[in-house]
């Protein structure tokens, strides 16, 4: 038996930026043995964003994160910015969206930076908003991405000047 997707809270930050989707820390749900999913899994569907956010335990210490858009508010090459709150510490993880096999924007990463027990704040930001301040997160995002995600980062880097800090961060992530 599948648990119903969780309800998310969306809060507008200001008139220029997109709202932030709040994803609470995961709590246990029982699943049928025949579900084919092992380990904890959290799925949040947000109608305002038009996305499905899924995090699940992956191999080892990693958490798999996937985002799929089913609306028209989020597009390929948009960046999903995931802010992680753990106690008084805050950090960010970036996930690039690309056109998936079903022609919808999608993206996935496997990372140690996110666990199942943290509260997350998710925002969609345009690629053009990435600056030198995001360089470390971009490098980690490239390293955490699968092939399709890495190719999307390559396309973003290709459109930037050689000395742009985001392009340099992408190249560092590909090494």
C-alpha atoms as a PDB file:
ATOM      1  CA  UNK A   1       0.000   0.000   0.000  1.00  0.00           C
ATOM      2  CA  UNK A   2       1.470   3.355  -1.035  1.00  0.00           C
ATOM      3  CA  UNK A   3       1.275   6.295   1.318  1.00  0.00           C
ATOM      4  CA  UNK A   4      -0.393   9.388  -0.079  1.00  0.00           C
ATOM      5  CA  UNK A   5       2.030  12.104  -1.176  1.00  0.00           C
ATOM      6  CA  UNK A   6       2.722  14.647   1.527  1.00  0.00           C
ATOM      7  CA  UNK A   7       1.226  18.107   1.482  1.00  0.00           C
ATOM      8  CA  UNK A   8       3.738  20.871   0.917  1.00  0.00           C
ATOM      9  CA  UNK A   9       3.692  24.459   2.068  1.00  0.00           C
ATOM     10  CA  UNK A  10       4.474  27.113  -0.549  1.00  0.00           C
ATOM     11  CA  UNK A  11       5.416  30.610   0.557  1.00  0.00           C
ATOM     12  CA  UNK A  12       6.025  33.570  -1.758  1.00  0.00           C
ATOM     13  CA  UNK A  13       9.353  35.242  -1.017  1.00  0.00           C
ATOM     14  CA  UNK A  14       8.738  38.387  -3.023  1.00  0.00           C
ATOM     15  CA  UNK A  15       7.182  39.494  -6.284  1.00  0.00           C
ATOM     16  CA  UNK A  16      10.318  38.801  -8.358  1.00  0.00           C
ATOM     17  CA  UNK A  17      11.342  35.370  -7.076  1.00  0.00           C
ATOM     18  CA  UNK A  18       9.363  32.177  -7.293  1.00  0.00           C
ATOM     19  CA  UNK A  19       7.806  30.754  -4.139  1.00  0.00           C
ATOM     20  CA  UNK A  20       9.645  28.339  -1.899  1.00  0.00           C
ATOM     21  CA  UNK A  21       8.377  24.793  -1.421  1.00  0.00           C
ATOM     22  CA  UNK A  22       8.913  23.507   2.116  1.00  0.00           C
ATOM     23  CA  UNK A  23       9.565  19.776   2.413  1.00  0.00           C
ATOM     24  CA  UNK A  24       9.475  18.544   6.015  1.00  0.00           C
ATOM     25  CA  UNK A  25      11.834  15.890   7.314  1.00  0.00           C
ATOM     26  CA  UNK A  26      10.748  12.402   6.302  1.00  0.00           C
ATOM     27  CA  UNK A  27       8.610  10.327   8.630  1.00  0.00           C
ATOM     28  CA  UNK A  28       8.117   6.589   8.269  1.00  0.00           C
ATOM     29  CA  UNK A  29       5.351   5.181   6.087  1.00  0.00           C
ATOM     30  CA  UNK A  30       4.698   1.500   5.586  1.00  0.00           C
ATOM     31  CA  UNK A  31       4.829   0.172   2.036  1.00  0.00           C
ATOM     32  CA  UNK A  32       3.750  -3.112   0.595  1.00  0.00           C
ATOM     33  CA  UNK A  33       6.561  -5.602   0.029  1.00  0.00           C
ATOM     34  CA  UNK A  34       5.600  -5.775  -3.652  1.00  0.00           C
ATOM     35  CA  UNK A  35       6.179  -2.031  -4.176  1.00  0.00           C
ATOM     36  CA  UNK A  36       9.718  -2.631  -5.488  1.00  0.00           C
ATOM     37  CA  UNK A  37      11.039   0.260  -3.423  1.00  0.00           C
ATOM     38  CA  UNK A  38      13.541  -0.497  -0.708  1.00  0.00           C
ATOM     39  CA  UNK A  39      14.376   1.863   2.117  1.00  0.00           C
ATOM     40  CA  UNK A  40      12.671   5.115   3.040  1.00  0.00           C
ATOM     41  CA  UNK A  41      11.143   7.256   0.295  1.00  0.00           C
ATOM     42  CA  UNK A  42       9.393  10.633   0.435  1.00  0.00           C
ATOM     43  CA  UNK A  43       7.314  12.055  -2.394  1.00  0.00           C
ATOM     44  CA  UNK A  44       5.864  15.576  -2.401  1.00  0.00           C
ATOM     45  CA  UNK A  45       3.660  16.829  -5.217  1.00  0.00           C
ATOM     46  CA  UNK A  46       3.166  20.567  -5.452  1.00  0.00           C
ATOM     47  CA  UNK A  47       0.505  21.886  -7.806  1.00  0.00           C
ATOM     48  CA  UNK A  48       1.619  25.533  -7.614  1.00  0.00           C
ATOM     49  CA  UNK A  49       5.175  24.713  -8.702  1.00  0.00           C
ATOM     50  CA  UNK A  50       3.948  21.908 -10.938  1.00  0.00           C
ATOM     51  CA  UNK A  51       6.609  19.525  -9.666  1.00  0.00           C
ATOM     52  CA  UNK A  52       7.015  16.198  -7.949  1.00  0.00           C
ATOM     53  CA  UNK A  53       9.930  16.067  -5.510  1.00  0.00           C
ATOM     54  CA  UNK A  54      11.186  12.640  -4.394  1.00  0.00           C
ATOM     55  CA  UNK A  55      13.992  11.779  -1.998  1.00  0.00           C
ATOM     56  CA  UNK A  56      14.935   8.252  -1.086  1.00  0.00           C
ATOM     57  CA  UNK A  57      17.742   6.331   0.534  1.00  0.00           C
ATOM     58  CA  UNK A  58      20.249   5.265  -2.097  1.00  0.00           C
ATOM     59  CA  UNK A  59      23.273   3.002  -1.933  1.00  0.00           C
ATOM     60  CA  UNK A  60      25.678   3.651   0.917  1.00  0.00           C
ATOM     61  CA  UNK A  61      25.375   7.024   2.604  1.00  0.00           C
ATOM     62  CA  UNK A  62      23.765   8.772  -0.360  1.00  0.00           C
ATOM     63  CA  UNK A  63      20.259  10.100  -0.800  1.00  0.00           C
ATOM     64  CA  UNK A  64      18.703  10.079  -4.262  1.00  0.00           C
ATOM     65  CA  UNK A  65      16.768  13.221  -5.160  1.00  0.00           C
ATOM     66  CA  UNK A  66      14.605  13.598  -8.236  1.00  0.00           C
ATOM     67  CA  UNK A  67      12.401  16.416  -9.453  1.00  0.00           C
ATOM     68  CA  UNK A  68       9.930  16.138 -12.298  1.00  0.00           C
ATOM     69  CA  UNK A  69       7.883  18.993 -13.699  1.00  0.00           C
ATOM     70  CA  UNK A  70       4.359  18.405 -14.946  1.00  0.00           C
ATOM     71  CA  UNK A  71       3.386  22.060 -15.365  1.00  0.00           C
ATOM     72  CA  UNK A  72       4.540  25.001 -17.437  1.00  0.00           C
ATOM     73  CA  UNK A  73       6.112  27.065 -14.660  1.00  0.00           C
ATOM     74  CA  UNK A  74       9.403  25.147 -14.612  1.00  0.00           C
ATOM     75  CA  UNK A  75      11.521  24.428 -17.676  1.00  0.00           C
ATOM     76  CA  UNK A  76      14.638  22.636 -18.829  1.00  0.00           C
ATOM     77  CA  UNK A  77      17.873  24.308 -17.681  1.00  0.00           C
ATOM     78  CA  UNK A  78      16.102  25.777 -14.648  1.00  0.00           C
ATOM     79  CA  UNK A  79      17.903  25.061 -11.402  1.00  0.00           C
ATOM     80  CA  UNK A  80      16.274  23.479  -8.367  1.00  0.00           C
ATOM     81  CA  UNK A  81      17.900  25.069  -5.320  1.00  0.00           C
ATOM     82  CA  UNK A  82      17.523  22.879  -2.233  1.00  0.00           C
ATOM     83  CA  UNK A  83      18.314  24.607   1.042  1.00  0.00           C
ATOM     84  CA  UNK A  84      19.068  22.166   3.829  1.00  0.00           C
ATOM     85  CA  UNK A  85      18.427  23.125   7.419  1.00  0.00           C
ATOM     86  CA  UNK A  86      20.072  21.008  10.083  1.00  0.00           C
ATOM     87  CA  UNK A  87      20.003  22.667  13.486  1.00  0.00           C
ATOM     88  CA  UNK A  88      21.567  26.094  13.020  1.00  0.00           C
ATOM     89  CA  UNK A  89      23.470  25.012   9.896  1.00  0.00           C
ATOM     90  CA  UNK A  90      22.240  25.855   6.401  1.00  0.00           C
ATOM     91  CA  UNK A  91      23.655  24.635   3.110  1.00  0.00           C
ATOM     92  CA  UNK A  92      22.475  24.308  -0.462  1.00  0.00           C
ATOM     93  CA  UNK A  93      22.390  21.657  -3.144  1.00  0.00           C
ATOM     94  CA  UNK A  94      21.638  22.421  -6.794  1.00  0.00           C
ATOM     95  CA  UNK A  95      19.922  20.167  -9.305  1.00  0.00           C
ATOM     96  CA  UNK A  96      19.690  21.059 -13.005  1.00  0.00           C
ATOM     97  CA  UNK A  97      16.546  20.188 -14.964  1.00  0.00           C
ATOM     98  CA  UNK A  98      16.697  18.759 -18.479  1.00  0.00           C
ATOM     99  CA  UNK A  99      14.150  17.336 -20.893  1.00  0.00           C
ATOM    100  CA  UNK A 100      13.419  13.773 -19.846  1.00  0.00           C
ATOM    101  CA  UNK A 101      12.329  10.810 -21.941  1.00  0.00           C
ATOM    102  CA  UNK A 102       8.685  11.900 -21.524  1.00  0.00           C
ATOM    103  CA  UNK A 103       9.492  15.460 -22.748  1.00  0.00           C
ATOM    104  CA  UNK A 104       8.979  16.940 -19.269  1.00  0.00           C
ATOM    105  CA  UNK A 105      11.718  18.757 -17.356  1.00  0.00           C
ATOM    106  CA  UNK A 106      13.330  16.352 -14.912  1.00  0.00           C
ATOM    107  CA  UNK A 107      16.509  16.048 -12.904  1.00  0.00           C
ATOM    108  CA  UNK A 108      18.206  13.676 -10.469  1.00  0.00           C
ATOM    109  CA  UNK A 109      21.207  13.568  -8.217  1.00  0.00           C
ATOM    110  CA  UNK A 110      22.652  11.211  -5.624  1.00  0.00           C
ATOM    111  CA  UNK A 111      24.303  13.072  -2.772  1.00  0.00           C
ATOM    112  CA  UNK A 112      25.601  12.733   0.770  1.00  0.00           C
ATOM    113  CA  UNK A 113      24.685  16.385   1.431  1.00  0.00           C
ATOM    114  CA  UNK A 114      21.002  15.537   1.956  1.00  0.00           C
ATOM    115  CA  UNK A 115      19.571  12.954   4.328  1.00  0.00           C
ATOM    116  CA  UNK A 116      16.023  11.843   4.939  1.00  0.00           C
ATOM    117  CA  UNK A 117      15.880  13.592   8.325  1.00  0.00           C
ATOM    118  CA  UNK A 118      16.353  17.215   7.292  1.00  0.00           C
ATOM    119  CA  UNK A 119      13.836  19.930   6.523  1.00  0.00           C
ATOM    120  CA  UNK A 120      14.291  21.298   3.015  1.00  0.00           C
ATOM    121  CA  UNK A 121      13.286  24.536   1.292  1.00  0.00           C
ATOM    122  CA  UNK A 122      13.095  24.250  -2.482  1.00  0.00           C
ATOM    123  CA  UNK A 123      13.139  27.119  -4.955  1.00  0.00           C
ATOM    124  CA  UNK A 124      13.368  27.150  -8.717  1.00  0.00           C
ATOM    125  CA  UNK A 125      15.910  29.648  -9.982  1.00  0.00           C
ATOM    126  CA  UNK A 126      16.963  30.568 -13.514  1.00  0.00           C
ATOM    127  CA  UNK A 127      20.427  29.579 -14.659  1.00  0.00           C
ATOM    128  CA  UNK A 128      21.196  33.269 -15.183  1.00  0.00           C
ATOM    129  CA  UNK A 129      21.012  33.847 -11.408  1.00  0.00           C
ATOM    130  CA  UNK A 130      24.005  31.577 -10.716  1.00  0.00           C
ATOM    131  CA  UNK A 131      27.094  33.525  -9.622  1.00  0.00           C
ATOM    132  CA  UNK A 132      30.515  32.902  -8.109  1.00  0.00           C
ATOM    133  CA  UNK A 133      28.703  32.418  -4.790  1.00  0.00           C
ATOM    134  CA  UNK A 134      27.231  29.194  -6.223  1.00  0.00           C
ATOM    135  CA  UNK A 135      30.521  27.804  -7.598  1.00  0.00           C
ATOM    136  CA  UNK A 136      31.058  25.147  -4.909  1.00  0.00           C
ATOM    137  CA  UNK A 137      27.419  24.006  -5.116  1.00  0.00           C
ATOM    138  CA  UNK A 138      27.626  23.874  -8.941  1.00  0.00           C
ATOM    139  CA  UNK A 139      30.771  21.720  -8.838  1.00  0.00           C
ATOM    140  CA  UNK A 140      29.096  19.331  -6.363  1.00  0.00           C
ATOM    141  CA  UNK A 141      25.889  19.280  -8.450  1.00  0.00           C
ATOM    142  CA  UNK A 142      27.810  18.260 -11.563  1.00  0.00           C
ATOM    143  CA  UNK A 143      29.609  15.497  -9.644  1.00  0.00           C
ATOM    144  CA  UNK A 144      26.300  14.278  -8.150  1.00  0.00           C
ATOM    145  CA  UNK A 145      24.441  14.214 -11.477  1.00  0.00           C
ATOM    146  CA  UNK A 146      23.905  11.296 -13.786  1.00  0.00           C
ATOM    147  CA  UNK A 147      24.904  11.524 -17.452  1.00  0.00           C
ATOM    148  CA  UNK A 148      21.837  13.500 -18.599  1.00  0.00           C
ATOM    149  CA  UNK A 149      22.352  16.020 -15.792  1.00  0.00           C
ATOM    150  CA  UNK A 150      26.050  16.378 -16.590  1.00  0.00           C
ATOM    151  CA  UNK A 151      25.149  16.986 -20.228  1.00  0.00           C
ATOM    152  CA  UNK A 152      22.725  19.728 -19.128  1.00  0.00           C
ATOM    153  CA  UNK A 153      25.501  21.349 -17.068  1.00  0.00           C
ATOM    154  CA  UNK A 154      27.779  21.125 -20.142  1.00  0.00           C
ATOM    155  CA  UNK A 155      25.146  22.981 -22.224  1.00  0.00           C
ATOM    156  CA  UNK A 156      24.920  25.699 -19.551  1.00  0.00           C
ATOM    157  CA  UNK A 157      28.715  26.048 -19.409  1.00  0.00           C
ATOM    158  CA  UNK A 158      28.952  26.207 -23.191  1.00  0.00           C
ATOM    159  CA  UNK A 159      26.796  29.346 -23.196  1.00  0.00           C
ATOM    160  CA  UNK A 160      29.039  31.193 -20.717  1.00  0.00           C
ATOM    161  CA  UNK A 161      32.336  33.036 -21.252  1.00  0.00           C
ATOM    162  CA  UNK A 162      35.491  30.998 -20.579  1.00  0.00           C
ATOM    163  CA  UNK A 163      36.274  32.958 -17.408  1.00  0.00           C
ATOM    164  CA  UNK A 164      32.741  32.830 -15.917  1.00  0.00           C
ATOM    165  CA  UNK A 165      32.858  31.289 -12.415  1.00  0.00           C
ATOM    166  CA  UNK A 166      29.896  28.982 -13.146  1.00  0.00           C
ATOM    167  CA  UNK A 167      31.568  27.664 -16.304  1.00  0.00           C
ATOM    168  CA  UNK A 168      34.781  27.046 -14.344  1.00  0.00           C
ATOM    169  CA  UNK A 169      32.772  25.275 -11.605  1.00  0.00           C
ATOM    170  CA  UNK A 170      31.078  23.027 -14.188  1.00  0.00           C
ATOM    171  CA  UNK A 171      34.440  22.133 -15.716  1.00  0.00           C
ATOM    172  CA  UNK A 172      35.823  21.350 -12.237  1.00  0.00           C
ATOM    173  CA  UNK A 173      32.837  19.078 -11.612  1.00  0.00           C
ATOM    174  CA  UNK A 174      33.416  17.186 -14.846  1.00  0.00           C
ATOM    175  CA  UNK A 175      37.056  16.376 -13.955  1.00  0.00           C
END
